[in-house]
Protein backbone atom coordinates (compact mmCIF):
# COMPACT_ATOMS: atom_id res chain seq x y z
CA MET A 1 -40.60 -27.99 8.45
CA ALA A 2 -40.45 -23.72 9.17
CA THR A 3 -43.95 -23.84 9.07
CA SER A 4 -44.72 -26.17 12.34
CA SER A 5 -41.80 -25.36 13.98
CA LEU A 6 -43.70 -21.96 14.16
CA SER A 7 -46.27 -22.83 14.87
CA PHE A 8 -45.12 -25.24 18.06
CA SER A 9 -43.22 -21.87 18.84
CA SER A 10 -46.47 -20.30 18.48
CA ALA A 11 -48.31 -22.88 20.68
CA LEU A 12 -45.21 -22.69 22.83
CA LYS A 13 -45.69 -18.97 23.76
CA GLN A 14 -49.63 -19.06 24.17
CA ASN A 15 -49.37 -21.99 26.64
CA HIS A 16 -46.33 -19.93 28.15
CA LEU A 17 -48.76 -16.71 28.25
CA ARG A 18 -51.83 -18.84 29.85
CA THR A 19 -49.76 -20.31 32.36
CA THR A 20 -48.57 -16.78 33.51
CA LEU A 21 -51.93 -15.37 33.28
CA SER A 22 -53.54 -18.06 34.86
CA TYR A 23 -50.96 -17.66 37.67
CA PHE A 24 -51.37 -14.44 38.69
CA LEU A 25 -55.23 -14.67 38.70
CA LYS A 26 -54.91 -17.46 41.07
CA GLN A 27 -52.77 -15.02 42.66
CA ASN A 28 -56.03 -12.59 42.72
CA ARG A 29 -53.61 -10.22 40.70
CA CYS A 30 -56.00 -7.86 39.03
CA TYR A 31 -56.17 -6.74 35.21
CA SER A 32 -54.42 -3.58 35.53
CA LYS A 33 -51.50 -6.21 37.03
CA LEU A 34 -51.40 -7.77 33.41
CA LYS A 35 -51.44 -4.78 31.40
CA HIS A 36 -47.68 -5.18 31.61
CA ALA A 37 -47.95 -8.87 30.56
CA LYS A 38 -50.15 -7.58 27.48
CA THR A 39 -46.98 -4.58 26.24
CA THR A 40 -43.95 -7.73 27.21
CA SER A 41 -46.04 -10.60 24.77
CA SER A 42 -45.47 -10.52 21.04
CA SER A 43 -49.04 -10.71 19.92
CA ALA A 44 -51.75 -8.29 21.66
CA ALA A 45 -54.38 -10.21 19.95
CA ASP A 46 -52.64 -13.77 21.72
CA PHE A 47 -52.83 -12.24 24.86
CA GLU A 48 -56.81 -11.05 24.76
CA LYS A 49 -57.86 -14.56 23.34
CA VAL A 50 -55.95 -16.55 26.37
CA ALA A 51 -57.20 -13.13 28.99
CA ASP A 52 -60.38 -13.52 27.64
CA ASP A 53 -60.24 -17.50 28.68
CA VAL A 54 -59.19 -17.30 32.63
CA PRO A 55 -61.82 -16.90 34.30
CA THR A 56 -61.17 -13.42 36.66
CA SER A 57 -62.11 -12.97 40.99
CA GLY A 58 -63.44 -9.76 40.66
CA ILE A 59 -61.65 -9.02 43.53
CA CYS A 60 -59.25 -6.37 42.83
CA ARG A 61 -60.59 -2.24 43.63
CA PRO A 62 -59.35 1.32 43.56
CA LEU A 63 -57.07 2.00 46.58
CA SER A 64 -59.45 4.89 47.60
CA GLU A 65 -61.99 1.24 48.11
CA ILE A 66 -59.04 -0.13 49.58
CA LEU A 67 -58.14 2.23 52.07
CA LYS A 68 -61.82 2.93 52.79
CA GLU A 69 -62.27 -0.83 54.80
CA LEU A 70 -58.99 -0.64 56.20
CA ASN A 71 -59.44 2.47 57.97
CA LYS A 72 -62.85 0.90 59.12
CA LYS A 73 -62.62 0.02 63.11
CA VAL A 74 -61.06 -3.65 63.58
CA PRO A 75 -63.61 -5.71 65.95
CA ASP A 76 -63.01 -5.70 69.77
CA SER A 77 -63.34 -9.19 69.18
CA LEU A 78 -60.27 -9.12 66.94
CA VAL A 79 -58.11 -6.68 69.00
CA LYS A 80 -56.02 -7.88 72.20
CA THR A 81 -54.49 -6.45 75.31
CA ARG A 82 -50.94 -7.27 76.57
CA VAL A 83 -50.19 -6.16 80.10
CA GLU A 84 -46.77 -4.31 80.20
CA LYS A 85 -44.08 -4.82 83.27
CA ASP A 86 -45.27 -1.98 85.06
CA GLY A 87 -48.80 -3.13 84.71
CA PHE A 88 -49.70 -0.97 81.43
CA HIS A 89 -52.54 -2.44 79.21
CA ILE A 90 -51.68 -2.31 75.53
CA ARG A 91 -54.74 -3.03 73.38
CA TYR A 92 -52.95 -4.37 69.47
CA ILE A 93 -54.08 -5.95 66.96
CA PRO A 94 -52.45 -9.52 66.72
CA TRP A 95 -49.91 -9.37 63.38
CA HIS A 96 -51.54 -12.82 62.03
CA THR A 97 -55.24 -11.52 62.40
CA VAL A 98 -53.51 -7.97 60.23
CA ASN A 99 -52.03 -9.80 57.49
CA ARG A 100 -55.64 -12.12 57.12
CA VAL A 101 -57.47 -8.47 57.33
CA LEU A 102 -55.19 -7.19 54.57
CA ASN A 103 -56.05 -10.38 52.43
CA LEU A 104 -59.39 -10.28 52.64
CA HIS A 105 -60.04 -5.77 52.00
CA ALA A 106 -56.10 -5.33 49.80
CA PRO A 107 -55.26 -8.98 48.34
CA GLU A 108 -53.70 -7.52 46.34
CA TRP A 109 -50.25 -6.71 49.21
CA SER A 110 -46.38 -6.84 49.60
CA GLY A 111 -44.50 -6.68 52.60
CA GLU A 112 -41.08 -6.90 53.59
CA VAL A 113 -38.23 -6.35 55.81
CA ARG A 114 -36.25 -2.98 54.94
CA ASN A 115 -33.59 -3.11 57.86
CA ILE A 116 -32.51 -4.52 60.81
CA ALA A 117 -30.00 -2.65 63.38
CA TYR A 118 -29.12 -3.54 67.07
CA SER A 119 -28.68 -0.54 69.34
CA ALA A 120 -24.89 0.40 70.10
CA ASP A 121 -24.62 -1.64 72.96
CA ALA A 122 -26.75 -4.67 71.86
CA LYS A 123 -29.57 -4.13 74.83
CA SER A 124 -32.75 -3.61 72.07
CA VAL A 125 -32.81 -4.59 67.93
CA SER A 126 -34.94 -2.49 65.66
CA VAL A 127 -36.26 -3.35 62.07
CA VAL A 128 -38.07 -1.41 60.01
CA TYR A 129 -40.92 -2.62 57.50
CA ARG A 130 -42.77 -1.53 54.21
CA VAL A 131 -46.30 -2.71 52.89
CA THR A 132 -47.46 -1.82 49.42
CA LEU A 133 -51.08 -2.44 48.38
CA TYR A 134 -52.16 -2.48 45.26
CA GLY A 135 -55.11 -0.93 43.63
CA THR A 136 -56.56 -1.43 39.85
CA ASP A 137 -55.66 3.00 40.07
CA ALA A 138 -52.64 2.98 41.76
CA GLU A 139 -49.89 1.98 44.80
CA ILE A 140 -48.79 3.32 47.75
CA PHE A 141 -46.73 1.74 50.62
CA ARG A 142 -45.88 2.44 53.86
CA GLU A 143 -43.30 2.33 56.66
CA SER A 144 -42.30 1.88 59.94
CA THR A 145 -40.63 0.71 62.45
CA GLY A 146 -40.82 -1.61 65.66
CA THR A 147 -38.10 -1.85 68.10
CA ALA A 148 -37.48 -4.86 70.51
CA SER A 149 -35.56 -5.09 73.58
CA THR A 150 -32.84 -8.50 73.63
CA ASP A 151 -33.79 -9.30 76.88
CA ASP A 152 -36.95 -10.08 76.97
CA THR A 153 -37.72 -13.06 75.57
CA ASN A 154 -40.92 -13.87 76.95
CA TYR A 155 -42.74 -14.09 73.62
CA GLY A 156 -39.72 -15.33 71.63
CA ASP A 157 -37.09 -14.03 69.07
CA PRO A 158 -36.55 -10.43 69.56
CA VAL A 159 -36.17 -9.73 65.27
CA GLN A 160 -39.28 -11.43 65.53
CA LYS A 161 -41.31 -9.04 67.63
CA ALA A 162 -39.47 -5.81 65.98
CA GLU A 163 -40.64 -7.82 63.03
CA ALA A 164 -44.71 -7.55 63.71
CA MET A 165 -44.28 -4.75 65.72
CA ALA A 166 -43.04 -2.95 62.31
CA PHE A 167 -45.82 -4.27 60.48
CA ARG A 168 -48.86 -3.58 62.65
CA ARG A 169 -47.43 -0.03 63.25
CA ALA A 170 -46.76 -0.04 58.68
CA CYS A 171 -50.29 -1.11 57.91
CA ALA A 172 -51.34 1.62 61.13
CA ARG A 173 -50.18 4.46 58.25
CA PHE A 174 -52.85 2.78 56.50
CA GLY A 175 -55.65 2.91 58.62
CA LEU A 176 -55.75 -0.55 59.56
CA GLY A 177 -55.84 -0.47 63.43
CA LEU A 178 -55.57 3.12 63.75
CA HIS A 179 -58.53 3.59 65.98
CA LEU A 180 -56.23 1.73 68.80
CA TYR A 181 -53.94 3.84 68.86
CA HIS A 182 -56.00 7.42 68.98
CA GLU A 183 -57.94 5.15 72.23
CA GLU A 184 -54.62 4.81 73.96
CA ALA A 185 -53.96 9.14 73.52
CA SER A 186 -56.91 9.62 75.26
């Protein structure tokens, strides 16, 4: 009886490990991300056996390659222009396009709102956003802020606008769309 419960327990562990590995790989996780699972599993041999059964996508790359791709100029077809109240034209990449570019070149990324703060007079809101990239060799993050007027409701919620601005700026700190900031300066 003890032998059958032991093999059942081992089968459960292998099934759990297989499910976990499959989930990570479906989420475009790299082998380097799975190294932690190897050290926490009960048996390294179980890990290797299961890892060999699960196909890998080969998407993940070293951080230097990801940053090289993100630093390339974004095609003009993806860049939008917005006219400010004072008539000034601003070229920008919409947040959803930035999101797709990150998914393409850096599928190992995550983002989070770190802080939301309203000004003392409640006329503006600022958001701090962090973007983290994961390569096969390292991980790196950048943060930035975005501020929107609470009076301006032309394009939606001020917090969402500030978040989108902060997200785009944090990505620009990796090089994504950074050429647009240089165009403004010249």
